Amino acid sequence: ADILGYASPEEFLADIDNAAKLYARPEERFSILQQVDDKGFVEGVELEFKKKTGGTGWVKINTRLTTDRDGTAIYEGTLEDITGQKLMEAEHKRWEDQLQQASKMEAIGTLAGGIAHDFNNILTPIIIQSELALMDVEDDNPVWFSLQEVKKAGHRAKDLVKQILTFRRQTEQ
């Protein structure tokens, strides 16, 4: 009664005729009853139940089929409140997911850093050679403009490399 938010066992039993409304997923009730009818019992089945107050909680259910003196079938059993355990499991899963995401970001950062360094090694001679060539070419030469564009593109690419390396440092943090 306490687990499901009832004031007393009597209040719970007065409302037990509508047991289906206790199940957060009503189709699970049929499955549980079917298992009990087939095997005579169920043990350790975890279910989400609706509380009288409207919220939900998790229980571990153990139920067996028996009969009373008249031979009428009776389902009897116990409910163990495992809501705290389920909340801890959900929190643990959330932390695992965050750790996995952080690991992915770290791997991407490492990959990006490696690519950035390799790209930087390619860019450095392009920039240096274009600057040296610009010193040898007069600014009225048509090649001067092309060399100037190569140099500008090299510096834009170098800025992109800096951004990638900044991203890598952020993922490491």
C-alpha atoms as a PDB file:
ATOM      1  CA  ALA A   1       0.000   0.000   0.000  1.00  0.00           C
ATOM      2  CA  ASP A   2       2.768   2.396   0.966  1.00  0.00           C
ATOM      3  CA  ILE A   3       4.789   1.783  -2.214  1.00  0.00           C
ATOM      4  CA  LEU A   4       1.797   2.692  -4.389  1.00  0.00           C
ATOM      5  CA  GLY A   5       0.729   5.699  -2.332  1.00  0.00           C
ATOM      6  CA  TYR A   6      -2.216   4.281  -0.441  1.00  0.00           C
ATOM      7  CA  ALA A   7      -2.825   5.306   3.153  1.00  0.00           C
ATOM      8  CA  SER A   8      -3.397   1.743   4.329  1.00  0.00           C
ATOM      9  CA  PRO A   9      -3.583  -1.854   3.102  1.00  0.00           C
ATOM     10  CA  GLU A  10      -7.360  -1.641   3.522  1.00  0.00           C
ATOM     11  CA  GLU A  11      -7.570   1.344   1.169  1.00  0.00           C
ATOM     12  CA  PHE A  12      -5.413  -0.501  -1.348  1.00  0.00           C
ATOM     13  CA  LEU A  13      -7.483  -3.697  -1.115  1.00  0.00           C
ATOM     14  CA  ALA A  14     -10.712  -1.701  -1.516  1.00  0.00           C
ATOM     15  CA  ASP A  15      -9.339  -0.461  -4.845  1.00  0.00           C
ATOM     16  CA  ILE A  16      -7.734  -3.769  -5.922  1.00  0.00           C
ATOM     17  CA  ASP A  17     -10.649  -4.708  -8.205  1.00  0.00           C
ATOM     18  CA  ASN A  18      -9.217  -2.245 -10.696  1.00  0.00           C
ATOM     19  CA  ALA A  19      -5.687  -3.687 -10.581  1.00  0.00           C
ATOM     20  CA  ALA A  20      -5.126  -3.035 -14.291  1.00  0.00           C
ATOM     21  CA  LYS A  21      -4.940   0.702 -13.619  1.00  0.00           C
ATOM     22  CA  LEU A  22      -1.813   0.121 -11.488  1.00  0.00           C
ATOM     23  CA  TYR A  23       0.280  -0.871 -14.497  1.00  0.00           C
ATOM     24  CA  ALA A  24       2.055   1.967 -16.310  1.00  0.00           C
ATOM     25  CA  ARG A  25       1.864  -0.241 -19.407  1.00  0.00           C
ATOM     26  CA  PRO A  26      -1.403  -2.218 -19.063  1.00  0.00           C
ATOM     27  CA  GLU A  27      -0.299  -4.844 -21.599  1.00  0.00           C
ATOM     28  CA  GLU A  28       2.315  -6.015 -19.073  1.00  0.00           C
ATOM     29  CA  ARG A  29      -0.450  -7.144 -16.714  1.00  0.00           C
ATOM     30  CA  PHE A  30      -1.701  -9.665 -19.254  1.00  0.00           C
ATOM     31  CA  SER A  31       1.845 -10.946 -19.761  1.00  0.00           C
ATOM     32  CA  ILE A  32       2.400 -11.372 -15.997  1.00  0.00           C
ATOM     33  CA  LEU A  33      -0.922 -13.168 -15.535  1.00  0.00           C
ATOM     34  CA  GLN A  34      -0.155 -15.421 -18.495  1.00  0.00           C
ATOM     35  CA  GLN A  35       3.235 -16.352 -17.014  1.00  0.00           C
ATOM     36  CA  VAL A  36       1.684 -17.084 -13.624  1.00  0.00           C
ATOM     37  CA  ASP A  37      -1.028 -19.215 -15.248  1.00  0.00           C
ATOM     38  CA  ASP A  38       1.598 -21.109 -17.292  1.00  0.00           C
ATOM     39  CA  LYS A  39       4.280 -21.642 -14.631  1.00  0.00           C
ATOM     40  CA  GLY A  40       2.343 -21.050 -11.438  1.00  0.00           C
ATOM     41  CA  PHE A  41       4.563 -18.132 -10.433  1.00  0.00           C
ATOM     42  CA  VAL A  42       6.781 -15.242 -11.532  1.00  0.00           C
ATOM     43  CA  GLU A  43       9.837 -14.000  -9.695  1.00  0.00           C
ATOM     44  CA  GLY A  44      11.836 -10.820  -9.928  1.00  0.00           C
ATOM     45  CA  VAL A  45       9.887  -9.179 -12.748  1.00  0.00           C
ATOM     46  CA  GLU A  46      10.516  -5.429 -12.838  1.00  0.00           C
ATOM     47  CA  LEU A  47       7.530  -3.262 -13.709  1.00  0.00           C
ATOM     48  CA  GLU A  48       6.648   0.384 -13.690  1.00  0.00           C
ATOM     49  CA  PHE A  49       3.500   0.950 -11.634  1.00  0.00           C
ATOM     50  CA  LYS A  50       1.203   3.927 -11.342  1.00  0.00           C
ATOM     51  CA  LYS A  51       0.848   5.362  -7.892  1.00  0.00           C
ATOM     52  CA  LYS A  52      -2.433   6.566  -6.453  1.00  0.00           C
ATOM     53  CA  THR A  53      -0.995  10.080  -6.472  1.00  0.00           C
ATOM     54  CA  GLY A  54      -0.566   9.926 -10.256  1.00  0.00           C
ATOM     55  CA  GLY A  55       3.191   9.454 -10.412  1.00  0.00           C
ATOM     56  CA  THR A  56       4.974   6.228 -11.221  1.00  0.00           C
ATOM     57  CA  GLY A  57       7.450   4.014  -9.450  1.00  0.00           C
ATOM     58  CA  TRP A  58       9.304   0.798 -10.166  1.00  0.00           C
ATOM     59  CA  VAL A  59       8.635  -2.475  -8.373  1.00  0.00           C
ATOM     60  CA  LYS A  60      10.030  -5.971  -8.474  1.00  0.00           C
ATOM     61  CA  ILE A  61       7.134  -8.373  -8.383  1.00  0.00           C
ATOM     62  CA  ASN A  62       6.975 -11.960  -7.127  1.00  0.00           C
ATOM     63  CA  THR A  63       3.601 -13.606  -7.614  1.00  0.00           C
ATOM     64  CA  ARG A  64       2.257 -17.139  -7.347  1.00  0.00           C
ATOM     65  CA  LEU A  65      -1.014 -18.770  -8.135  1.00  0.00           C
ATOM     66  CA  THR A  66      -2.730 -20.583  -5.301  1.00  0.00           C
ATOM     67  CA  THR A  67      -6.280 -21.468  -4.325  1.00  0.00           C
ATOM     68  CA  ASP A  68      -8.398 -20.756  -1.313  1.00  0.00           C
ATOM     69  CA  ARG A  69     -10.412 -23.421   0.591  1.00  0.00           C
ATOM     70  CA  ASP A  70     -13.177 -23.239  -1.991  1.00  0.00           C
ATOM     71  CA  GLY A  71     -10.729 -23.855  -4.846  1.00  0.00           C
ATOM     72  CA  THR A  72     -10.945 -20.295  -6.135  1.00  0.00           C
ATOM     73  CA  ALA A  73      -7.743 -19.132  -7.842  1.00  0.00           C
ATOM     74  CA  ILE A  74      -5.859 -16.491  -5.903  1.00  0.00           C
ATOM     75  CA  TYR A  75      -2.842 -14.507  -7.044  1.00  0.00           C
ATOM     76  CA  GLU A  76      -0.654 -13.610  -4.107  1.00  0.00           C
ATOM     77  CA  GLY A  77       2.733 -12.033  -4.007  1.00  0.00           C
ATOM     78  CA  THR A  78       4.982  -9.221  -2.999  1.00  0.00           C
ATOM     79  CA  LEU A  79       6.144  -5.946  -4.474  1.00  0.00           C
ATOM     80  CA  GLU A  80       9.591  -4.567  -3.710  1.00  0.00           C
ATOM     81  CA  ASP A  81      10.106  -0.861  -4.319  1.00  0.00           C
ATOM     82  CA  ILE A  82      13.091  -0.505  -6.666  1.00  0.00           C
ATOM     83  CA  THR A  83      12.397   3.079  -7.769  1.00  0.00           C
ATOM     84  CA  GLY A  84      15.621   4.336  -6.171  1.00  0.00           C
ATOM     85  CA  GLN A  85      17.629   1.629  -7.916  1.00  0.00           C
ATOM     86  CA  LYS A  86      16.001   2.456 -11.281  1.00  0.00           C
ATOM     87  CA  LEU A  87      16.724   6.162 -10.811  1.00  0.00           C
ATOM     88  CA  MET A  88      20.362   5.353 -10.019  1.00  0.00           C
ATOM     89  CA  GLU A  89      20.564   3.107 -13.107  1.00  0.00           C
ATOM     90  CA  ALA A  90      19.134   5.895 -15.268  1.00  0.00           C
ATOM     91  CA  GLU A  91      21.635   8.367 -13.809  1.00  0.00           C
ATOM     92  CA  HIS A  92      24.459   5.880 -14.362  1.00  0.00           C
ATOM     93  CA  LYS A  93      23.347   5.432 -17.986  1.00  0.00           C
ATOM     94  CA  ARG A  94      23.245   9.207 -18.452  1.00  0.00           C
ATOM     95  CA  TRP A  95      26.824   9.500 -17.121  1.00  0.00           C
ATOM     96  CA  GLU A  96      27.965   6.627 -19.344  1.00  0.00           C
ATOM     97  CA  ASP A  97      26.412   8.344 -22.369  1.00  0.00           C
ATOM     98  CA  GLN A  98      28.148  11.614 -21.485  1.00  0.00           C
ATOM     99  CA  LEU A  99      31.468   9.818 -21.047  1.00  0.00           C
ATOM    100  CA  GLN A 100      31.029   8.072 -24.375  1.00  0.00           C
ATOM    101  CA  GLN A 101      30.238  11.412 -26.050  1.00  0.00           C
ATOM    102  CA  ALA A 102      33.305  12.992 -24.440  1.00  0.00           C
ATOM    103  CA  SER A 103      35.449  10.104 -25.682  1.00  0.00           C
ATOM    104  CA  LYS A 104      34.113  10.609 -29.202  1.00  0.00           C
ATOM    105  CA  MET A 105      34.853  14.325 -29.025  1.00  0.00           C
ATOM    106  CA  GLU A 106      38.365  13.601 -27.776  1.00  0.00           C
ATOM    107  CA  ALA A 107      38.943  11.195 -30.673  1.00  0.00           C
ATOM    108  CA  ILE A 108      37.659  13.766 -33.156  1.00  0.00           C
ATOM    109  CA  GLY A 109      39.897  16.395 -31.570  1.00  0.00           C
ATOM    110  CA  THR A 110      42.935  14.123 -31.819  1.00  0.00           C
ATOM    111  CA  LEU A 111      42.149  13.337 -35.452  1.00  0.00           C
ATOM    112  CA  ALA A 112      41.540  17.003 -36.262  1.00  0.00           C
ATOM    113  CA  GLY A 113      44.786  17.964 -34.526  1.00  0.00           C
ATOM    114  CA  GLY A 114      46.758  15.430 -36.523  1.00  0.00           C
ATOM    115  CA  ILE A 115      45.210  16.592 -39.785  1.00  0.00           C
ATOM    116  CA  ALA A 116      45.805  20.238 -38.847  1.00  0.00           C
ATOM    117  CA  HIS A 117      49.499  19.642 -38.157  1.00  0.00           C
ATOM    118  CA  ASP A 118      49.917  17.751 -41.437  1.00  0.00           C
ATOM    119  CA  PHE A 119      48.071  20.467 -43.303  1.00  0.00           C
ATOM    120  CA  ASN A 120      50.248  23.098 -41.618  1.00  0.00           C
ATOM    121  CA  ASN A 121      53.358  21.262 -42.825  1.00  0.00           C
ATOM    122  CA  ILE A 122      52.001  21.481 -46.381  1.00  0.00           C
ATOM    123  CA  LEU A 123      51.012  25.153 -46.076  1.00  0.00           C
ATOM    124  CA  THR A 124      54.284  26.480 -44.690  1.00  0.00           C
ATOM    125  CA  PRO A 125      56.344  25.931 -47.856  1.00  0.00           C
ATOM    126  CA  ILE A 126      53.487  27.243 -50.029  1.00  0.00           C
ATOM    127  CA  ILE A 127      53.365  30.499 -48.067  1.00  0.00           C
ATOM    128  CA  ILE A 128      57.156  30.849 -47.888  1.00  0.00           C
ATOM    129  CA  GLN A 129      57.666  30.085 -51.585  1.00  0.00           C
ATOM    130  CA  SER A 130      54.916  32.495 -52.638  1.00  0.00           C
ATOM    131  CA  GLU A 131      56.468  35.263 -50.488  1.00  0.00           C
ATOM    132  CA  LEU A 132      59.930  34.572 -51.970  1.00  0.00           C
ATOM    133  CA  ALA A 133      58.500  34.560 -55.504  1.00  0.00           C
ATOM    134  CA  LEU A 134      56.708  37.869 -54.835  1.00  0.00           C
ATOM    135  CA  MET A 135      60.105  39.402 -53.980  1.00  0.00           C
ATOM    136  CA  ASP A 136      61.440  38.346 -57.391  1.00  0.00           C
ATOM    137  CA  VAL A 137      58.448  39.551 -59.425  1.00  0.00           C
ATOM    138  CA  GLU A 138      57.553  43.161 -60.160  1.00  0.00           C
ATOM    139  CA  ASP A 139      54.087  44.184 -59.019  1.00  0.00           C
ATOM    140  CA  ASP A 140      53.107  45.106 -62.588  1.00  0.00           C
ATOM    141  CA  ASN A 141      53.817  41.529 -63.720  1.00  0.00           C
ATOM    142  CA  PRO A 142      50.568  39.495 -64.294  1.00  0.00           C
ATOM    143  CA  VAL A 143      52.068  36.630 -62.241  1.00  0.00           C
ATOM    144  CA  TRP A 144      52.382  38.929 -59.186  1.00  0.00           C
ATOM    145  CA  PHE A 145      48.587  38.975 -58.697  1.00  0.00           C
ATOM    146  CA  SER A 146      48.401  35.171 -58.883  1.00  0.00           C
ATOM    147  CA  LEU A 147      51.234  34.805 -56.359  1.00  0.00           C
ATOM    148  CA  GLN A 148      49.499  37.320 -54.081  1.00  0.00           C
ATOM    149  CA  GLU A 149      46.292  35.204 -54.233  1.00  0.00           C
ATOM    150  CA  VAL A 150      48.266  32.028 -53.420  1.00  0.00           C
ATOM    151  CA  LYS A 151      49.810  33.780 -50.422  1.00  0.00           C
ATOM    152  CA  LYS A 152      46.381  35.082 -49.205  1.00  0.00           C
ATOM    153  CA  ALA A 153      44.833  31.623 -49.590  1.00  0.00           C
ATOM    154  CA  GLY A 154      47.745  30.110 -47.664  1.00  0.00           C
ATOM    155  CA  HIS A 155      47.221  32.543 -44.782  1.00  0.00           C
ATOM    156  CA  ARG A 156      43.434  31.873 -44.759  1.00  0.00           C
ATOM    157  CA  ALA A 157      44.201  28.151 -44.600  1.00  0.00           C
ATOM    158  CA  LYS A 158      46.695  28.774 -41.786  1.00  0.00           C
ATOM    159  CA  ASP A 159      43.916  30.596 -39.840  1.00  0.00           C
ATOM    160  CA  LEU A 160      41.660  27.586 -40.398  1.00  0.00           C
ATOM    161  CA  VAL A 161      44.384  25.342 -38.978  1.00  0.00           C
ATOM    162  CA  LYS A 162      44.502  27.577 -35.883  1.00  0.00           C
ATOM    163  CA  GLN A 163      40.727  27.182 -35.472  1.00  0.00           C
ATOM    164  CA  ILE A 164      41.023  23.399 -35.745  1.00  0.00           C
ATOM    165  CA  LEU A 165      43.793  23.361 -33.145  1.00  0.00           C
ATOM    166  CA  THR A 166      41.652  25.553 -30.857  1.00  0.00           C
ATOM    167  CA  PHE A 167      38.822  23.014 -31.259  1.00  0.00           C
ATOM    168  CA  ARG A 168      41.230  20.242 -30.350  1.00  0.00           C
ATOM    169  CA  ARG A 169      42.303  22.027 -27.175  1.00  0.00           C
ATOM    170  CA  GLN A 170      38.626  22.492 -26.217  1.00  0.00           C
ATOM    171  CA  THR A 171      37.913  18.776 -26.666  1.00  0.00           C
ATOM    172  CA  GLU A 172      40.915  17.893 -24.511  1.00  0.00           C
ATOM    173  CA  GLN A 173      39.532  20.081 -21.742  1.00  0.00           C
END
